[in-house]
C-alpha cells in the first residue's frame, strides 16, 4: 500500500497546466545551461549524475518536462523498485529522494527539479543496464571490455513518446540463459537469507559413505536441501549414505571441487561460505554479464578463466567443451575478445620476455646445458641474417634484467611448451590457446599453471572442429602433417570469435555454478558496486 500511495503522490505532482508547464520549462533550461557551463547541479542535496546526457535530452525536446504522463512515471518508479533483482540498488538512482520529494512538490521550480531528478535516474539506470555500473578497465588493467551500443537519451526519448517506459528498460536487460538464471538465483539466495541463512558445519574427520555422525550428517542434509542438491528427506538422518554422497557429488561438481562424494576439509569450507557472500558473488557476475554479453556471434570460442573451461558455441548451443589451464595468479590471463584467424601445427616456441628473465636465464646460469635439454636454440638476427649462437659463448650474468640481444626458440617436438598446435587470435597481450606436454595438470580442480596463455587439454578436438569445413583437410592429412614435425600454418577460411572472460558464478542451463576467485578479481568489483555511481 505504501508503494501505491507513493506512486499516486508522484503522479499527481507531475501533472501540470500549460501555463505552469512554460515556467517549468524555463527552470529546466536554466539548470541545463548550468550543466553546460560545467557547474555541478544539486537537487535537494543530491548531485545529478548525467551532466552530459541531461543537456542532450532536454535540448532535443526544447526543455519541456518529460514526466507529465501518468503511465510513464508510474512504470519507471515500478521498474526502479526492481533494480535489486539485477544486483543493483534503487538508491543509486535517487529512489528515496524521488519518493520523498514528490510528496511536497508545490512550486514550478520544484516540479522542474523533480522532472530532472527522474530523468537523471532513468538515464543512469539505462546506462548501467546497457554496460554495467562499473567500468572494468578502471579497476583492472588486464580487463578489456567491448561496450554495448545504445544511447540512453534516444532510448528515453522514444520511450516517453511511445509511452512504454517499462518495456524500454526490460529491453536493455540481457536475455541469455545464464544472466536470467543468475537473476533467479539471486532471488532464491535472498530468500534463504531472509529466512535465516544456513547453518555452519563444524570441522571433523572426513565423512564417507557408511560412516555415522549424529551431529554433522543432519546438518549436512539440511544444507544440501537448502541449496537444492538434495531433494528428499532421508529417514536415517545420522548415517552418511550413498544417496547423501551422490547429492554431495552434485554440489562438488557445480562448485569446482574434487568430485569424490566425501565431506572433507575443502568441501566443508565451500559449504560454509555464507549466503551473504554467495549473494555478493552473484551480483558481481551479473555485473560482468552486463559487460560482456552483447553480440558474441553465432559461432564463437568462449574461455572462462575462473572456470578452467573452454567451450565452442554455435547458435547458443555448446558443441565442444574442454578443460584448460590458465595463468598463475602473478601472471594472470587477461580478459578480452578477438578473432581466431589461423592455427599452427608443430609450432616453434619463442620464449617471451617474462619467462626469459624470470625462468630461463636463472636456469641457464646454473647449467648452460639446460637449453640443449629443452631443445631451445639461441638465435641472432632476423630473416636471411638469422644465425644460431653457441650458448656457452654468452656471458649470461650480464642479462639478469637488461636487454637480451638474442631470441630463444624451442624446436617443435614432444617436449615443446606449445605441444603440437597453437591457435592464434591477434591481441595486445601475446596470449593464445595451445597444446601442452604437461597433461597431468588437467587432473587438478584448479589449474592456474601457465604464464598467461591458455593450455588446452585435447587440442585436436578444436583443430578438427575448425578444419571440418576445409576442403582436403581430413583427419588423415592432418595426422600426416603432424608426423612430419615441420611447422605449418593453416589460415582459417572462416575466422571465429574468441572471448576470454572471467566468471566466478554462472548458470549453465541446468544448475548454478560457483568457482573460487583465483585472481581476486571479485572484491574490487563488489566495492565499486557498493560505491556511489560515477558521473556520465
Protein backbone atom coordinates (compact mmCIF):
# COMPACT_ATOMS: atom_id res chain seq x y z
CA UNK A 1 0.00 0.00 0.00
CA UNK A 2 2.90 2.36 0.78
CA UNK A 3 4.36 1.96 -2.72
CA UNK A 4 0.96 2.52 -4.36
CA UNK A 5 0.37 5.65 -2.26
CA UNK A 6 3.81 6.99 -3.16
CA UNK A 7 3.15 6.42 -6.86
CA UNK A 8 -0.15 8.31 -6.65
CA UNK A 9 1.55 11.27 -4.97
CA UNK A 10 4.31 11.24 -7.56
CA UNK A 11 1.92 11.10 -10.50
CA UNK A 12 -0.22 13.91 -9.11
CA UNK A 13 2.85 16.07 -8.56
CA UNK A 14 3.88 15.71 -12.21
CA UNK A 15 0.62 16.72 -13.90
CA UNK A 16 0.85 20.36 -14.95
CA UNK A 17 -1.27 23.05 -16.58
CA UNK A 18 0.03 24.62 -19.81
CA UNK A 19 0.97 27.92 -18.12
CA UNK A 20 2.78 26.11 -15.37
CA UNK A 21 4.48 23.95 -17.97
CA UNK A 22 6.09 27.02 -19.55
CA UNK A 23 7.51 28.14 -16.21
CA UNK A 24 8.83 24.66 -15.54
CA UNK A 25 10.49 24.57 -18.98
CA UNK A 26 12.27 27.85 -18.23
CA UNK A 27 13.53 26.48 -14.94
CA UNK A 28 14.78 23.31 -16.69
CA UNK A 29 16.54 25.47 -19.30
CA UNK A 30 18.37 27.40 -16.57
CA UNK A 31 19.51 24.19 -14.91
CA UNK A 32 20.65 22.73 -18.23
CA UNK A 33 22.67 25.86 -19.00
CA UNK A 34 24.41 25.46 -15.64
CA UNK A 35 25.32 21.89 -16.57
CA UNK A 36 26.61 23.03 -19.98
CA UNK A 37 28.77 25.62 -18.21
CA UNK A 38 30.38 22.89 -16.13
CA UNK A 39 28.52 23.85 -12.95
CA UNK A 40 27.58 20.89 -10.75
CA UNK A 41 23.84 20.85 -10.15
CA UNK A 42 22.35 19.53 -6.93
CA UNK A 43 18.68 18.83 -6.27
CA UNK A 44 17.63 18.59 -2.64
CA UNK A 45 21.24 17.87 -1.71
CA UNK A 46 21.84 15.14 -4.32
CA UNK A 47 24.13 15.62 -7.32
CA UNK A 48 22.82 14.96 -10.82
CA UNK A 49 24.96 12.22 -12.34
CA UNK A 50 24.24 12.65 -16.06
CA UNK A 51 25.81 16.07 -16.61
CA UNK A 52 26.39 15.37 -20.31
CA UNK A 53 23.29 13.37 -21.12
CA UNK A 54 20.75 15.66 -19.43
CA UNK A 55 21.50 18.71 -21.66
CA UNK A 56 21.33 16.46 -24.73
CA UNK A 57 17.98 15.03 -23.64
CA UNK A 58 16.26 18.29 -22.69
CA UNK A 59 17.78 20.19 -25.60
CA UNK A 60 16.15 17.76 -28.04
CA UNK A 61 12.73 18.44 -26.52
CA UNK A 62 13.09 22.25 -26.19
CA UNK A 63 13.36 21.91 -22.40
CA UNK A 64 9.81 20.60 -21.99
CA UNK A 65 9.29 18.41 -18.91
CA UNK A 66 9.37 14.69 -19.67
CA UNK A 67 7.34 13.06 -16.92
CA UNK A 68 3.88 14.64 -17.02
CA UNK A 69 2.36 11.42 -18.42
CA UNK A 70 0.88 9.27 -15.66
CA UNK A 71 1.67 5.91 -17.30
CA UNK A 72 5.34 6.75 -17.96
CA UNK A 73 6.08 7.96 -14.43
CA UNK A 74 4.27 5.03 -12.83
CA UNK A 75 6.13 2.49 -14.96
CA UNK A 76 9.54 4.00 -14.24
CA UNK A 77 9.16 4.02 -10.46
CA UNK A 78 7.91 0.44 -10.60
CA UNK A 79 11.00 -0.51 -12.63
CA UNK A 80 13.31 1.29 -10.22
CA UNK A 81 11.93 -0.72 -7.31
CA UNK A 82 13.05 -3.88 -9.15
CA UNK A 83 16.71 -2.80 -9.54
CA UNK A 84 17.61 -5.16 -6.68
CA UNK A 85 16.55 -8.08 -8.86
CA UNK A 86 19.50 -7.47 -11.21
CA UNK A 87 22.04 -6.86 -8.45
CA UNK A 88 21.75 -3.06 -8.50
CA UNK A 89 20.35 -0.70 -5.85
CA UNK A 90 17.33 1.60 -6.38
CA UNK A 91 19.01 4.08 -4.05
CA UNK A 92 21.75 4.71 -6.63
CA UNK A 93 19.03 6.25 -8.78
CA UNK A 94 17.55 8.84 -6.38
CA UNK A 95 14.77 6.42 -5.42
CA UNK A 96 14.32 7.65 -1.84
CA UNK A 97 14.63 11.31 -2.78
CA UNK A 98 12.15 10.96 -5.64
CA UNK A 99 9.55 9.28 -3.44
CA UNK A 100 10.07 11.69 -0.52
CA UNK A 101 10.33 14.86 -2.62
CA UNK A 102 7.22 14.05 -4.65
CA UNK A 103 5.06 14.31 -1.53
CA UNK A 104 5.86 18.01 -1.07
CA UNK A 105 6.30 19.43 -4.58
CA UNK A 106 4.45 22.71 -4.93
CA UNK A 107 6.25 25.37 -6.98
CA UNK A 108 7.16 25.23 -10.70
CA UNK A 109 10.82 25.21 -9.65
CA UNK A 110 10.25 22.09 -7.57
CA UNK A 111 8.37 20.47 -10.45
CA UNK A 112 11.37 21.15 -12.71
CA UNK A 113 13.72 19.66 -10.12
CA UNK A 114 11.60 16.52 -9.78
CA UNK A 115 11.39 16.11 -13.55
CA UNK A 116 15.17 16.40 -13.94
CA UNK A 117 15.72 14.08 -11.00
CA UNK A 118 13.62 11.33 -12.58
CA UNK A 119 15.27 11.86 -15.98
CA UNK A 120 18.70 11.65 -14.36
CA UNK A 121 17.65 8.41 -12.65
CA UNK A 122 16.38 6.87 -15.90
CA UNK A 123 19.47 7.82 -17.93
CA UNK A 124 21.80 6.46 -15.25
CA UNK A 125 19.85 3.23 -14.76
CA UNK A 126 19.57 2.65 -18.51
CA UNK A 127 23.33 3.19 -18.89
CA UNK A 128 24.00 0.63 -16.16
CA UNK A 129 21.68 -1.94 -17.73
CA UNK A 130 23.42 -1.38 -21.07
CA UNK A 131 27.05 -1.67 -19.99
CA UNK A 132 27.17 -2.09 -16.22
CA UNK A 133 27.55 0.32 -13.34
CA UNK A 134 31.28 -0.34 -13.09
CA UNK A 135 33.82 0.30 -15.85
CA UNK A 136 36.05 -2.81 -15.54
CA UNK A 137 39.03 -1.13 -17.16
CA UNK A 138 39.23 1.40 -14.29
CA UNK A 139 39.72 -1.36 -11.70
CA UNK A 140 41.66 -3.96 -13.71
CA UNK A 141 44.24 -3.03 -16.36
CA UNK A 142 44.05 -6.59 -17.74
CA UNK A 143 40.32 -6.41 -18.47
CA UNK A 144 39.29 -5.14 -21.90
CA UNK A 145 35.54 -4.66 -22.30
CA UNK A 146 33.63 -4.13 -25.54
CA UNK A 147 30.83 -1.69 -24.81
CA UNK A 148 27.32 -2.47 -26.00
CA UNK A 149 25.86 0.02 -28.45
CA UNK A 150 22.93 2.14 -27.32
CA UNK A 151 22.22 5.78 -26.48
CA UNK A 152 20.19 6.21 -23.24
CA UNK A 153 18.99 9.63 -24.44
CA UNK A 154 17.49 8.21 -27.64
CA UNK A 155 16.06 5.27 -25.74
CA UNK A 156 14.32 7.56 -23.24
CA UNK A 157 13.00 9.98 -25.89
CA UNK A 158 11.45 7.05 -27.73
CA UNK A 159 10.06 5.52 -24.52
CA UNK A 160 8.45 8.83 -23.46
CA UNK A 161 6.93 9.30 -26.90
CA UNK A 162 5.62 5.73 -27.19
CA UNK A 163 4.54 5.56 -23.54
CA UNK A 164 6.43 2.29 -22.97
CA UNK A 165 9.00 3.21 -20.32
CA UNK A 166 8.82 -0.19 -18.64
CA UNK A 167 9.43 -2.08 -21.88
CA UNK A 168 12.32 0.21 -22.82
CA UNK A 169 14.19 -0.84 -19.68
CA UNK A 170 13.22 -4.51 -19.97
CA UNK A 171 14.68 -4.48 -23.49
CA UNK A 172 18.07 -3.36 -22.12
CA UNK A 173 18.43 -6.42 -19.91
CA UNK A 174 20.43 -9.40 -21.08
CA UNK A 175 18.25 -12.18 -22.44
CA UNK A 176 20.76 -15.04 -22.40
CA UNK A 177 20.03 -18.08 -20.27
CA UNK A 178 22.91 -17.61 -17.83
CA UNK A 179 22.03 -13.99 -16.95
CA UNK A 180 18.38 -14.86 -16.40
CA UNK A 181 19.46 -17.89 -14.36
CA UNK A 182 21.60 -15.67 -12.14
CA UNK A 183 18.67 -13.31 -11.63
CA UNK A 184 16.54 -16.22 -10.44
CA UNK A 185 19.39 -17.46 -8.20
CA UNK A 186 19.74 -14.02 -6.63
CA UNK A 187 16.07 -14.10 -5.72
CA UNK A 188 16.37 -17.60 -4.24
CA UNK A 189 19.51 -16.85 -2.22
CA UNK A 190 17.99 -13.61 -0.93
CA UNK A 191 15.01 -15.67 0.23
CA UNK A 192 17.40 -18.03 2.05
CA UNK A 193 18.97 -15.02 3.78
CA UNK A 194 15.58 -13.58 4.70
CA UNK A 195 14.67 -16.92 6.29
CA UNK A 196 17.74 -17.18 8.49
CA UNK A 197 20.58 -18.22 6.14
CA UNK A 198 22.10 -21.70 6.51
CA UNK A 199 23.88 -23.30 9.41
CA UNK A 200 27.68 -23.66 9.59
CA UNK A 201 29.02 -27.23 9.52
CA UNK A 202 31.59 -28.00 12.23
CA UNK A 203 35.01 -29.37 11.33
CA UNK A 204 35.76 -33.03 11.80
CA UNK A 205 37.24 -36.15 10.21
CA UNK A 206 36.32 -36.81 6.59
CA UNK A 207 32.85 -38.30 6.25
CA UNK A 208 32.46 -41.12 3.74
CA UNK A 209 29.55 -43.40 2.85
CA UNK A 210 28.87 -45.85 5.68
CA UNK A 211 30.01 -43.52 8.49
CA UNK A 212 27.56 -42.40 11.19
CA UNK A 213 27.71 -38.92 12.69
CA UNK A 214 24.78 -37.65 14.75
CA UNK A 215 25.91 -34.02 14.56
CA UNK A 216 27.32 -33.37 11.10
CA UNK A 217 25.13 -35.63 8.95
CA UNK A 218 21.82 -33.96 9.99
CA UNK A 219 23.38 -30.53 9.40
CA UNK A 220 24.74 -31.62 6.02
CA UNK A 221 21.30 -32.90 4.99
CA UNK A 222 19.72 -29.53 5.87
CA UNK A 223 22.45 -27.65 4.00
CA UNK A 224 22.12 -29.74 0.82
CA UNK A 225 18.33 -29.41 0.85
CA UNK A 226 18.57 -25.61 1.10
CA UNK A 227 20.95 -25.41 -1.88
CA UNK A 228 18.80 -27.80 -3.92
CA UNK A 229 21.43 -30.54 -4.15
CA UNK A 230 19.33 -32.97 -2.09
CA UNK A 231 15.65 -33.19 -2.99
CA UNK A 232 14.33 -35.54 -0.30
CA UNK A 233 14.37 -36.01 3.50
CA UNK A 234 16.26 -39.22 4.36
CA UNK A 235 14.61 -41.41 7.01
CA UNK A 236 18.01 -42.18 8.50
CA UNK A 237 19.35 -38.75 9.45
CA UNK A 238 22.62 -39.75 11.11
CA UNK A 239 24.13 -42.16 8.55
CA UNK A 240 26.22 -40.87 5.67
CA UNK A 241 24.50 -42.91 2.97
CA UNK A 242 25.36 -43.30 -0.70
CA UNK A 243 22.31 -41.16 -1.55
CA UNK A 244 23.76 -38.31 0.52
CA UNK A 245 27.18 -38.83 -1.09
CA UNK A 246 25.58 -38.62 -4.52
CA UNK A 247 23.95 -35.30 -3.59
CA UNK A 248 27.29 -34.09 -2.27
CA UNK A 249 28.94 -35.02 -5.60
CA UNK A 250 26.35 -32.85 -7.32
CA UNK A 251 27.33 -29.97 -5.04
CA UNK A 252 31.05 -30.61 -5.58
CA UNK A 253 30.65 -30.67 -9.35
CA UNK A 254 28.89 -27.32 -9.53
CA UNK A 255 31.41 -25.75 -7.15
CA UNK A 256 34.55 -26.88 -8.95
CA UNK A 257 35.66 -29.27 -6.20
CA UNK A 258 37.09 -32.76 -6.41
CA UNK A 259 34.06 -34.97 -7.07
CA UNK A 260 34.58 -37.77 -4.54
CA UNK A 261 31.30 -37.64 -2.57
CA UNK A 262 33.21 -37.25 0.71
CA UNK A 263 32.77 -34.44 3.24
CA UNK A 264 36.37 -33.34 3.66
CA UNK A 265 38.04 -30.07 4.61
CA UNK A 266 37.70 -28.25 1.26
CA UNK A 267 34.08 -29.30 0.72
CA UNK A 268 33.20 -28.21 4.27
CA UNK A 269 34.86 -24.84 3.71
CA UNK A 270 32.88 -24.39 0.49
CA UNK A 271 29.57 -25.35 2.15
CA UNK A 272 30.31 -22.85 4.93
CA UNK A 273 30.70 -19.85 2.62
CA UNK A 274 27.95 -17.57 3.88
CA UNK A 275 24.80 -16.91 1.87
CA UNK A 276 25.67 -13.19 2.07
CA UNK A 277 28.96 -13.89 0.28
CA UNK A 278 27.19 -16.02 -2.34
CA UNK A 279 24.71 -13.18 -2.94
CA UNK A 280 27.63 -10.79 -3.44
CA UNK A 281 29.22 -13.26 -5.84
CA UNK A 282 26.02 -13.46 -7.88
CA UNK A 283 25.76 -9.66 -8.01
CA UNK A 284 29.38 -9.32 -9.17
CA UNK A 285 28.82 -11.78 -12.00
CA UNK A 286 25.50 -10.23 -13.05
CA UNK A 287 27.56 -7.06 -13.49
CA UNK A 288 30.14 -8.95 -15.56
CA UNK A 289 27.40 -10.24 -17.84
CA UNK A 290 26.41 -6.63 -18.48
CA UNK A 291 29.99 -6.02 -19.59
CA UNK A 292 30.33 -8.93 -21.97
CA UNK A 293 27.11 -10.47 -23.20
CA UNK A 294 26.06 -8.48 -26.22
CA UNK A 295 26.71 -9.84 -29.72
CA UNK A 296 29.14 -12.70 -29.15
CA UNK A 297 28.45 -14.07 -32.63
CA UNK A 298 26.51 -17.06 -33.89
CA UNK A 299 29.66 -19.17 -33.54
CA UNK A 300 32.42 -18.49 -31.02
CA UNK A 301 35.06 -19.87 -28.67
CA UNK A 302 34.42 -18.96 -25.02
CA UNK A 303 37.07 -19.44 -22.34
CA UNK A 304 36.10 -18.93 -18.70
CA UNK A 305 39.36 -18.34 -16.85
CA UNK A 306 37.91 -18.90 -13.36
CA UNK A 307 36.03 -22.00 -14.59
CA UNK A 308 39.15 -23.51 -16.29
CA UNK A 309 36.98 -24.35 -19.26
CA UNK A 310 36.75 -23.70 -23.00
CA UNK A 311 33.51 -24.02 -24.94
CA UNK A 312 32.70 -23.73 -28.61
CA UNK A 313 29.18 -22.37 -29.08
CA UNK A 314 27.01 -22.50 -32.19
CA UNK A 315 23.61 -20.81 -32.20
CA UNK A 316 23.62 -20.70 -28.37
CA UNK A 317 24.36 -24.45 -28.12
CA UNK A 318 27.64 -25.81 -26.71
CA UNK A 319 29.09 -28.13 -29.35
CA UNK A 320 32.55 -28.67 -27.83
CA UNK A 321 33.88 -28.40 -24.28
CA UNK A 322 37.40 -28.94 -22.95
CA UNK A 323 39.43 -28.31 -19.79
CA UNK A 324 42.00 -25.52 -19.86
CA UNK A 325 44.98 -24.34 -17.85
CA UNK A 326 45.30 -20.57 -17.34
CA UNK A 327 47.84 -18.10 -15.99
CA UNK A 328 49.26 -18.19 -12.48
CA UNK A 329 47.88 -15.59 -10.04
CA UNK A 330 51.00 -13.48 -10.56
CA UNK A 331 50.83 -13.92 -14.36
CA UNK A 332 47.13 -13.54 -14.88
CA UNK A 333 45.41 -14.41 -18.14
CA UNK A 334 43.83 -11.14 -19.34
CA UNK A 335 40.17 -10.63 -20.29
CA UNK A 336 39.46 -9.60 -23.88
CA UNK A 337 37.79 -10.59 -27.15
CA UNK A 338 39.39 -11.17 -30.54
CA UNK A 339 39.00 -13.28 -33.68
CA UNK A 340 40.90 -16.50 -34.36
CA UNK A 341 42.38 -16.31 -37.85
CA UNK A 342 44.83 -19.22 -38.10
CA UNK A 343 46.45 -22.15 -36.34
CA UNK A 344 49.99 -23.51 -36.44
CA UNK A 345 50.86 -27.21 -36.42
CA UNK A 346 54.22 -28.27 -34.93
CA UNK A 347 54.93 -24.71 -33.74
CA UNK A 348 58.25 -23.32 -32.67
CA UNK A 349 58.08 -21.62 -29.28
CA UNK A 350 59.69 -18.22 -28.98
CA UNK A 351 60.40 -17.58 -25.31
CA UNK A 352 58.61 -14.37 -24.17
CA UNK A 353 60.49 -11.77 -22.07
CA UNK A 354 58.75 -12.58 -18.77
CA UNK A 355 59.66 -16.26 -18.95
CA UNK A 356 63.11 -15.43 -20.35
CA UNK A 357 64.16 -13.27 -17.39
CA UNK A 358 62.20 -14.97 -14.60
CA UNK A 359 62.62 -18.61 -15.56
CA UNK A 360 65.05 -19.46 -18.38
CA UNK A 361 68.09 -17.24 -17.67
CA UNK A 362 68.22 -18.25 -13.95
CA UNK A 363 68.26 -21.93 -15.03
CA UNK A 364 70.95 -21.33 -17.67
CA UNK A 365 73.14 -19.59 -15.07
CA UNK A 366 73.04 -22.81 -13.04
CA UNK A 367 73.59 -25.08 -16.06
CA UNK A 368 74.29 -23.83 -19.57
CA UNK A 369 73.27 -27.28 -20.84
CA UNK A 370 69.69 -26.54 -19.76
CA UNK A 371 68.89 -25.09 -23.20
CA UNK A 372 70.06 -28.22 -25.00
CA UNK A 373 67.98 -30.43 -22.70
CA UNK A 374 64.89 -28.40 -23.60
CA UNK A 375 65.69 -28.22 -27.36
CA UNK A 376 66.00 -24.44 -27.09
CA UNK A 377 68.30 -22.61 -29.51
CA UNK A 378 69.84 -19.15 -29.22
CA UNK A 379 69.08 -17.17 -32.38
CA UNK A 380 70.63 -13.89 -33.53
CA UNK A 381 69.24 -11.68 -36.27
CA UNK A 382 66.13 -11.95 -38.44
CA UNK A 383 65.16 -13.38 -41.81
CA UNK A 384 68.08 -14.19 -44.10
CA UNK A 385 70.56 -12.90 -41.49
CA UNK A 386 69.45 -15.39 -38.83
CA UNK A 387 72.20 -17.47 -37.26
CA UNK A 388 72.45 -19.79 -34.30
CA UNK A 389 74.71 -18.84 -31.38
CA UNK A 390 76.52 -21.29 -29.10
CA UNK A 391 75.06 -20.58 -25.61
CA UNK A 392 78.41 -21.36 -23.97
CA UNK A 393 79.90 -18.26 -25.64
CA UNK A 394 77.41 -15.91 -23.94
CA UNK A 395 78.01 -14.20 -20.60
CA UNK A 396 74.57 -14.91 -19.10
CA UNK A 397 75.30 -12.91 -15.95
CA UNK A 398 75.05 -9.71 -18.00
CA UNK A 399 71.38 -10.23 -18.74
CA UNK A 400 69.59 -10.63 -15.41
CA UNK A 401 67.36 -7.62 -16.03
CA UNK A 402 68.85 -5.93 -19.08
CA UNK A 403 68.08 -6.15 -22.76
CA UNK A 404 68.78 -9.59 -24.12
CA UNK A 405 70.15 -9.28 -27.69
CA UNK A 406 69.11 -12.76 -28.79
CA UNK A 407 65.94 -14.79 -29.32
CA UNK A 408 65.42 -18.11 -27.57
CA UNK A 409 63.42 -20.54 -29.69
CA UNK A 410 62.33 -24.07 -28.87
CA UNK A 411 62.17 -26.61 -31.71
CA UNK A 412 58.92 -28.47 -32.49
CA UNK A 413 58.65 -31.81 -30.70
CA UNK A 414 57.15 -33.75 -27.86
CA UNK A 415 58.65 -31.50 -25.16
CA UNK A 416 57.79 -28.24 -26.91
CA UNK A 417 55.96 -25.93 -24.47
CA UNK A 418 53.21 -25.36 -27.04
CA UNK A 419 52.69 -29.04 -27.81
CA UNK A 420 51.67 -29.88 -31.38
CA UNK A 421 49.41 -26.89 -32.16
CA UNK A 422 48.72 -23.27 -31.26
CA UNK A 423 45.64 -21.20 -32.12
CA UNK A 424 46.20 -17.53 -32.94
CA UNK A 425 43.79 -14.65 -32.36
CA UNK A 426 45.66 -11.30 -32.55
CA UNK A 427 45.72 -9.30 -29.30
CA UNK A 428 47.89 -6.88 -27.35
CA UNK A 429 48.79 -9.46 -24.70
CA UNK A 430 50.57 -12.11 -26.84
CA UNK A 431 48.07 -14.64 -25.48
CA UNK A 432 46.96 -17.66 -27.47
CA UNK A 433 45.48 -21.12 -26.96
CA UNK A 434 47.84 -24.08 -27.34
CA UNK A 435 48.56 -27.71 -26.62
CA UNK A 436 50.88 -28.75 -23.77
CA UNK A 437 53.04 -31.77 -22.94
CA UNK A 438 52.03 -31.45 -19.24
CA UNK A 439 48.74 -33.36 -19.45
CA UNK A 440 48.81 -34.50 -15.81
CA UNK A 441 47.95 -30.96 -14.65
CA UNK A 442 44.47 -31.23 -16.14
CA UNK A 443 43.51 -33.61 -13.33
CA UNK A 444 43.66 -30.74 -10.81
CA UNK A 445 40.37 -28.96 -9.93
CA UNK A 446 42.08 -25.54 -10.08
CA UNK A 447 44.51 -25.09 -12.96
CA UNK A 448 46.50 -21.85 -12.68
CA UNK A 449 49.87 -23.05 -14.01
CA UNK A 450 50.67 -21.13 -17.19
CA UNK A 451 52.40 -17.80 -17.78
CA UNK A 452 49.23 -16.24 -19.18
CA UNK A 453 48.45 -18.29 -22.27
CA UNK A 454 45.69 -20.90 -22.33
CA UNK A 455 46.63 -24.57 -22.48
CA UNK A 456 44.04 -26.93 -23.92
CA UNK A 457 43.54 -30.50 -22.71
CA UNK A 458 42.51 -32.00 -26.05
CA UNK A 459 43.59 -29.53 -28.75
CA UNK A 460 42.94 -31.89 -31.65
CA UNK A 461 39.21 -31.72 -30.94
CA UNK A 462 39.37 -27.98 -31.62
CA UNK A 463 41.62 -28.50 -34.67
CA UNK A 464 39.14 -30.98 -36.15
CA UNK A 465 36.22 -28.68 -35.43
CA UNK A 466 37.85 -25.62 -37.01
CA UNK A 467 39.00 -27.54 -40.08
CA UNK A 468 35.87 -29.63 -40.57
CA UNK A 469 34.73 -27.42 -43.47
CA UNK A 470 38.19 -27.05 -45.00
CA UNK A 471 38.41 -28.86 -48.35
CA UNK A 472 41.10 -31.54 -48.47
CA UNK A 473 41.98 -31.37 -44.77
CA UNK A 474 40.63 -34.60 -43.32
CA UNK A 475 41.86 -36.32 -40.16
CA UNK A 476 44.38 -38.46 -42.09
CA UNK A 477 46.00 -35.46 -43.80
CA UNK A 478 46.21 -33.51 -40.53
CA UNK A 479 47.91 -36.50 -38.87
CA UNK A 480 50.37 -36.73 -41.75
CA UNK A 481 51.21 -33.04 -41.40
CA UNK A 482 51.81 -33.51 -37.68
CA UNK A 483 54.02 -36.56 -38.25
CA UNK A 484 56.40 -34.53 -40.45
CA UNK A 485 57.40 -32.45 -37.45
CA UNK A 486 57.62 -29.29 -39.59
CA UNK A 487 55.96 -26.03 -38.60
CA UNK A 488 52.93 -25.40 -40.84
CA UNK A 489 50.43 -22.54 -40.75
CA UNK A 490 46.78 -23.09 -41.69
CA UNK A 491 44.67 -19.99 -42.30
CA UNK A 492 41.01 -20.37 -41.35
CA UNK A 493 38.60 -19.72 -44.19
CA UNK A 494 36.01 -18.79 -41.57
CA UNK A 495 37.68 -16.88 -38.71
CA UNK A 496 35.87 -17.39 -35.41
CA UNK A 497 35.23 -15.01 -32.49
CA UNK A 498 37.17 -15.73 -29.30
CA UNK A 499 36.05 -14.42 -25.91
CA UNK A 500 38.40 -14.81 -22.95
CA UNK A 501 36.34 -13.98 -19.85
CA UNK A 502 36.34 -14.38 -16.07
CA UNK A 503 33.19 -15.62 -14.32
CA UNK A 504 33.15 -16.97 -10.76
CA UNK A 505 29.41 -17.68 -10.89
CA UNK A 506 27.11 -18.59 -13.77
CA UNK A 507 24.05 -20.64 -14.71
CA UNK A 508 24.86 -23.37 -17.24
CA UNK A 509 21.26 -24.08 -18.23
CA UNK A 510 20.87 -26.80 -15.60
CA UNK A 511 22.47 -25.64 -12.36
CA UNK A 512 24.08 -22.67 -10.64
CA UNK A 513 27.88 -22.86 -10.81
CA UNK A 514 30.32 -21.27 -8.32
CA UNK A 515 34.11 -21.12 -8.59
CA UNK A 516 36.87 -19.71 -6.42
CA UNK A 517 38.03 -16.20 -7.24
CA UNK A 518 41.54 -17.38 -8.14
CA UNK A 519 42.69 -13.92 -9.30
CA UNK A 520 40.97 -11.94 -6.51
CA UNK A 521 39.02 -10.00 -9.12
CA UNK A 522 35.63 -10.12 -7.35
CA UNK A 523 36.38 -7.81 -4.42
CA UNK A 524 37.20 -4.65 -6.45
CA UNK A 525 34.01 -5.12 -8.49
CA UNK A 526 31.89 -5.54 -5.36
CA UNK A 527 33.46 -2.45 -3.78
CA UNK A 528 32.71 -0.41 -6.89
CA UNK A 529 29.12 -1.70 -7.00
CA UNK A 530 28.63 -0.54 -3.41
CA UNK A 531 30.02 2.93 -4.06
CA UNK A 532 28.14 5.94 -5.38
CA UNK A 533 27.80 5.84 -9.20
CA UNK A 534 30.26 7.68 -11.44
CA UNK A 535 29.06 10.68 -13.44
CA UNK A 536 28.14 10.25 -17.09
